[in-house]
Amino acid sequence: MRIKIQLRCQSCGSQNYITSKNPKSHPDRIEVLKYCPKERQVTTHQEMK
């Protein structure tokens, strides 16, 4: 079963994206490179708890 997660920008702290993941196959927090509209550049976004 997939769960919804929110992705937060590591540099500015804004919550920019909502996605889903399978917790059985990916139990760790997800880190992806995404565009941050507040900073106008690609930054690392991490899953929030």
N, C-alpha and C. Protein backbone atom coordinates (compact mmCIF):
# COMPACT_ATOMS: atom_id res chain seq x y z
N MET A 1 0.83 -1.17 0.00
CA MET A 1 0.00 0.00 0.00
C MET A 1 0.88 1.24 0.00
N ARG A 2 0.59 2.19 -0.85
CA ARG A 2 1.38 3.40 -0.96
C ARG A 2 0.85 4.44 0.02
N ILE A 3 1.76 5.23 0.57
CA ILE A 3 1.38 6.31 1.48
C ILE A 3 1.80 7.64 0.86
N LYS A 4 1.09 8.71 1.21
CA LYS A 4 1.42 10.05 0.73
C LYS A 4 2.48 10.65 1.64
N ILE A 5 3.46 11.32 1.03
CA ILE A 5 4.51 12.00 1.79
C ILE A 5 4.68 13.41 1.23
N GLN A 6 5.20 14.30 2.06
CA GLN A 6 5.49 15.66 1.62
C GLN A 6 7.00 15.82 1.54
N LEU A 7 7.44 16.58 0.55
CA LEU A 7 8.86 16.84 0.37
C LEU A 7 9.16 18.28 0.76
N ARG A 8 10.19 18.47 1.59
CA ARG A 8 10.58 19.79 2.09
C ARG A 8 11.96 20.15 1.56
N CYS A 9 12.12 21.40 1.14
CA CYS A 9 13.40 21.90 0.66
C CYS A 9 14.39 21.97 1.83
N GLN A 10 15.59 21.47 1.64
CA GLN A 10 16.58 21.45 2.71
C GLN A 10 17.19 22.82 2.98
N SER A 11 17.25 23.69 1.99
CA SER A 11 17.89 24.99 2.21
C SER A 11 16.93 26.05 2.74
N CYS A 12 15.69 26.12 2.22
CA CYS A 12 14.78 27.17 2.69
C CYS A 12 13.68 26.63 3.62
N GLY A 13 13.41 25.34 3.59
CA GLY A 13 12.43 24.74 4.50
C GLY A 13 10.99 24.77 4.02
N SER A 14 10.75 25.21 2.80
CA SER A 14 9.37 25.26 2.31
C SER A 14 8.92 23.88 1.82
N GLN A 15 7.62 23.59 1.99
CA GLN A 15 7.05 22.32 1.56
C GLN A 15 6.52 22.51 0.16
N ASN A 16 7.21 21.93 -0.84
CA ASN A 16 6.89 22.21 -2.22
C ASN A 16 6.15 21.09 -2.94
N TYR A 17 6.36 19.84 -2.57
CA TYR A 17 5.84 18.73 -3.36
C TYR A 17 5.15 17.70 -2.48
N ILE A 18 4.16 17.01 -3.05
CA ILE A 18 3.50 15.87 -2.42
C ILE A 18 3.64 14.70 -3.39
N THR A 19 4.08 13.55 -2.87
CA THR A 19 4.24 12.36 -3.69
C THR A 19 3.85 11.15 -2.86
N SER A 20 4.03 9.98 -3.38
CA SER A 20 3.70 8.76 -2.65
C SER A 20 4.85 7.77 -2.75
N LYS A 21 4.89 6.85 -1.81
CA LYS A 21 5.92 5.82 -1.82
C LYS A 21 5.38 4.56 -1.17
N ASN A 22 6.06 3.45 -1.45
CA ASN A 22 5.74 2.18 -0.84
C ASN A 22 6.69 2.00 0.35
N PRO A 23 6.20 2.03 1.59
CA PRO A 23 7.08 1.96 2.75
C PRO A 23 7.77 0.60 2.94
N LYS A 24 7.23 -0.44 2.34
CA LYS A 24 7.88 -1.75 2.47
C LYS A 24 9.13 -1.83 1.61
N SER A 25 9.10 -1.25 0.43
CA SER A 25 10.27 -1.32 -0.44
C SER A 25 11.25 -0.17 -0.20
N HIS A 26 10.79 0.96 0.38
CA HIS A 26 11.64 2.11 0.67
C HIS A 26 11.40 2.58 2.10
N PRO A 27 11.93 1.89 3.09
CA PRO A 27 11.65 2.28 4.48
C PRO A 27 12.39 3.55 4.91
N ASP A 28 13.48 3.92 4.22
CA ASP A 28 14.23 5.11 4.60
C ASP A 28 13.57 6.36 4.02
N ARG A 29 14.03 7.52 4.51
CA ARG A 29 13.52 8.78 3.98
C ARG A 29 14.05 9.00 2.56
N ILE A 30 13.20 9.57 1.73
CA ILE A 30 13.56 9.82 0.34
C ILE A 30 14.23 11.19 0.23
N GLU A 31 15.31 11.27 -0.56
CA GLU A 31 15.96 12.53 -0.90
C GLU A 31 16.05 12.62 -2.41
N VAL A 32 15.50 13.68 -2.98
CA VAL A 32 15.51 13.87 -4.43
C VAL A 32 15.87 15.32 -4.75
N LEU A 33 16.40 15.52 -5.95
CA LEU A 33 16.68 16.87 -6.43
C LEU A 33 15.43 17.39 -7.14
N LYS A 34 14.89 18.51 -6.66
CA LYS A 34 13.69 19.10 -7.22
C LYS A 34 13.89 20.61 -7.33
N TYR A 35 13.07 21.24 -8.17
CA TYR A 35 13.11 22.68 -8.34
C TYR A 35 12.39 23.35 -7.18
N CYS A 36 13.02 24.34 -6.57
CA CYS A 36 12.42 25.13 -5.49
C CYS A 36 12.03 26.49 -6.07
N PRO A 37 10.73 26.80 -6.15
CA PRO A 37 10.32 28.08 -6.73
C PRO A 37 10.71 29.28 -5.88
N LYS A 38 10.87 29.09 -4.59
CA LYS A 38 11.25 30.20 -3.71
C LYS A 38 12.70 30.63 -3.97
N GLU A 39 13.58 29.66 -4.19
CA GLU A 39 14.99 29.95 -4.43
C GLU A 39 15.34 30.01 -5.92
N ARG A 40 14.42 29.58 -6.77
CA ARG A 40 14.59 29.56 -8.23
C ARG A 40 15.80 28.75 -8.67
N GLN A 41 15.99 27.60 -8.04
CA GLN A 41 17.06 26.69 -8.44
C GLN A 41 16.74 25.28 -7.96
N VAL A 42 17.47 24.31 -8.46
CA VAL A 42 17.28 22.92 -8.07
C VAL A 42 18.00 22.67 -6.75
N THR A 43 17.28 22.15 -5.77
CA THR A 43 17.85 21.87 -4.46
C THR A 43 17.44 20.47 -4.02
N THR A 44 18.03 20.01 -2.94
CA THR A 44 17.69 18.70 -2.36
C THR A 44 16.40 18.83 -1.55
N HIS A 45 15.46 17.95 -1.82
CA HIS A 45 14.20 17.90 -1.06
C HIS A 45 14.16 16.55 -0.33
N GLN A 46 13.77 16.60 0.95
CA GLN A 46 13.74 15.40 1.79
C GLN A 46 12.33 15.17 2.31
N GLU A 47 12.03 13.90 2.51
CA GLU A 47 10.71 13.51 3.03
C GLU A 47 10.54 14.02 4.45
N MET A 48 9.35 14.57 4.74
CA MET A 48 9.02 15.02 6.09
C MET A 48 8.39 13.90 6.87
N LYS A 49 8.51 13.94 8.18
CA LYS A 49 7.81 12.99 9.05
C LYS A 49 6.72 13.72 9.79
